[in-house]
Amino acid sequence: MAAVTMGPLTVKRIEAFGFAVLIVGAILLAATLLGVSYKFQENIVIPAGGYYAYRVEGHEWSVMRFSIKSDEPVTLCITDDVGFRILKSGDGALCLFKVDGATRVDKIWRFPKAGPMYMVIIPESKDAVSVSLQVKGGLFLW
């Protein structure tokens, strides 16, 4: 049986590969630990005829994980600056993501572009609506 020896070139390749794995691992670890750019949980009451809006920041590579529970059906709309201005003017909602008539929404949503977006909750009831909201945004590695 012949002995296998590793030459200097092979050792250098192994060292380079190990270094590359270490750097990629450090970047992924930093993104996981520092990647959650915001996280909030709130219980709100939306008055009849009103809406509630949150401004959320993101990038093309980031996602938003949210959970909404309400005692009455609500419409959930995620929109950009233009859609939010249309909503405020009273002409309806121009949404990039929309769920109508839901009492519970659990979703992971990827930002389509960099910059601010607005998560708007619109009650469908003529009465005040109680809503529980949890939002976490950033980079998630499952």
Protein backbone atom coordinates (compact mmCIF):
# COMPACT_ATOMS: atom_id res chain seq x y z
CA MET A 1 0.00 0.00 0.00
CA ALA A 2 1.40 3.36 -1.02
CA ALA A 3 1.47 6.28 1.37
CA VAL A 4 -0.43 9.38 0.29
CA THR A 5 1.30 12.66 0.94
CA MET A 6 -0.25 16.04 0.51
CA GLY A 7 1.84 18.53 -1.34
CA PRO A 8 2.10 22.22 -0.46
CA LEU A 9 -0.44 23.19 -3.13
CA THR A 10 -3.15 20.91 -1.70
CA VAL A 11 -2.59 22.20 1.85
CA LYS A 12 -2.92 25.78 0.64
CA ARG A 13 -6.19 24.94 -1.12
CA ILE A 14 -7.56 23.37 2.07
CA GLU A 15 -6.51 26.43 4.08
CA ALA A 16 -8.13 28.77 1.53
CA PHE A 17 -11.35 26.75 1.58
CA GLY A 18 -11.40 26.76 5.39
CA PHE A 19 -10.85 30.51 5.45
CA ALA A 20 -13.66 31.07 2.94
CA VAL A 21 -16.03 28.90 5.00
CA LEU A 22 -15.06 30.84 8.14
CA ILE A 23 -15.73 34.22 6.48
CA VAL A 24 -19.10 33.12 5.04
CA GLY A 25 -20.09 31.67 8.42
CA ALA A 26 -19.14 34.90 10.20
CA ILE A 27 -21.20 36.96 7.73
CA LEU A 28 -24.24 34.70 8.13
CA LEU A 29 -23.91 34.76 11.92
CA ALA A 30 -23.64 38.55 11.97
CA ALA A 31 -26.63 38.87 9.63
CA THR A 32 -28.67 36.57 11.85
CA LEU A 33 -27.76 38.33 15.09
CA LEU A 34 -27.89 41.89 13.75
CA GLY A 35 -30.30 41.36 10.86
CA VAL A 36 -33.52 41.90 12.80
CA SER A 37 -33.86 45.60 12.24
CA TYR A 38 -37.17 45.97 14.05
CA LYS A 39 -39.52 43.99 16.20
CA PHE A 40 -42.69 45.14 17.91
CA GLN A 41 -45.85 43.80 19.43
CA GLU A 42 -48.91 45.90 20.05
CA ASN A 43 -52.58 45.63 21.00
CA ILE A 44 -54.61 48.39 19.41
CA VAL A 45 -58.23 49.48 19.07
CA ILE A 46 -59.12 50.97 15.70
CA PRO A 47 -62.15 53.28 15.83
CA ALA A 48 -65.05 52.86 13.42
CA GLY A 49 -64.28 54.39 10.04
CA GLY A 50 -60.56 54.69 10.76
CA TYR A 51 -57.43 52.77 9.92
CA TYR A 52 -54.08 52.09 11.56
CA ALA A 53 -50.79 52.41 9.64
CA TYR A 54 -47.23 51.34 10.49
CA ARG A 55 -44.16 52.43 8.59
CA VAL A 56 -41.74 49.52 8.13
CA GLU A 57 -38.27 49.61 6.57
CA GLY A 58 -36.75 46.92 4.40
CA HIS A 59 -34.49 45.93 1.52
CA GLU A 60 -34.85 43.56 -1.43
CA TRP A 61 -33.09 40.86 0.61
CA SER A 62 -35.11 41.32 3.80
CA VAL A 63 -38.45 39.92 4.91
CA MET A 64 -41.16 40.81 7.35
CA ARG A 65 -42.85 38.22 9.55
CA PHE A 66 -46.19 39.33 10.95
CA SER A 67 -49.13 37.92 12.85
CA ILE A 68 -52.44 39.75 13.18
CA LYS A 69 -55.44 38.67 15.23
CA SER A 70 -58.65 40.69 15.49
CA ASP A 71 -62.09 40.24 16.99
CA GLU A 72 -63.80 41.47 13.78
CA PRO A 73 -62.80 41.12 10.09
CA VAL A 74 -60.14 43.55 8.88
CA THR A 75 -58.37 44.28 5.62
CA LEU A 76 -54.59 44.16 5.74
CA CYS A 77 -52.75 46.14 3.08
CA ILE A 78 -49.01 46.55 2.57
CA THR A 79 -48.27 49.45 0.26
CA ASP A 80 -45.57 51.96 -0.66
CA ASP A 81 -45.56 55.77 -0.46
CA VAL A 82 -47.78 56.20 -3.53
CA GLY A 83 -50.38 53.70 -2.31
CA PHE A 84 -50.39 55.26 1.14
CA ARG A 85 -51.04 58.73 -0.31
CA ILE A 86 -53.93 57.30 -2.34
CA LEU A 87 -55.33 55.65 0.80
CA LYS A 88 -55.07 58.89 2.80
CA SER A 89 -56.87 60.81 0.05
CA GLY A 90 -59.85 58.46 0.43
CA ASP A 91 -59.66 56.82 -3.00
CA GLY A 92 -59.19 53.29 -1.63
CA ALA A 93 -56.09 51.21 -1.16
CA LEU A 94 -53.43 50.36 -3.75
CA CYS A 95 -51.76 47.34 -2.15
CA LEU A 96 -48.72 45.25 -2.97
CA PHE A 97 -50.06 42.64 -0.53
CA LYS A 98 -53.69 42.50 0.54
CA VAL A 99 -55.91 40.25 2.65
CA ASP A 100 -59.63 41.07 2.85
CA GLY A 101 -62.00 40.08 5.64
CA ALA A 102 -59.55 38.24 7.87
CA THR A 103 -59.58 37.82 11.63
CA ARG A 104 -56.18 36.09 11.65
CA VAL A 105 -53.20 36.52 9.32
CA ASP A 106 -49.80 34.83 9.76
CA LYS A 107 -47.42 35.62 6.94
CA ILE A 108 -43.80 35.96 5.95
CA TRP A 109 -43.52 38.60 3.25
CA ARG A 110 -40.45 39.58 1.21
CA PHE A 111 -39.86 43.25 0.46
CA PRO A 112 -40.13 43.89 -3.29
CA LYS A 113 -37.87 46.97 -3.14
CA ALA A 114 -35.71 48.94 -0.76
CA GLY A 115 -37.21 51.68 1.30
CA PRO A 116 -40.21 52.31 3.50
CA MET A 117 -43.48 50.43 3.15
CA TYR A 118 -46.69 50.86 5.09
CA MET A 119 -48.68 48.13 6.78
CA VAL A 120 -52.25 49.39 7.00
CA ILE A 121 -55.06 47.71 8.96
CA ILE A 122 -58.57 48.76 7.90
CA PRO A 123 -61.59 47.49 9.88
CA GLU A 124 -64.53 46.17 7.87
CA SER A 125 -66.90 46.57 10.80
CA LYS A 126 -68.95 49.65 11.63
CA ASP A 127 -67.78 49.27 15.24
CA ALA A 128 -64.36 49.68 16.85
CA VAL A 129 -62.07 46.68 16.29
CA SER A 130 -59.50 45.24 18.70
CA VAL A 131 -56.33 44.02 16.97
CA SER A 132 -53.26 42.20 18.28
CA LEU A 133 -50.20 42.68 16.09
CA GLN A 134 -46.70 41.16 16.12
CA VAL A 135 -44.14 42.25 13.52
CA LYS A 136 -40.49 41.33 13.05
CA GLY A 137 -38.50 42.55 10.07
CA GLY A 138 -35.01 41.98 8.73
CA LEU A 139 -33.07 38.91 7.64
CA PHE A 140 -34.17 35.52 8.93
CA LEU A 141 -32.26 32.30 8.44
CA TRP A 142 -34.48 29.36 9.23
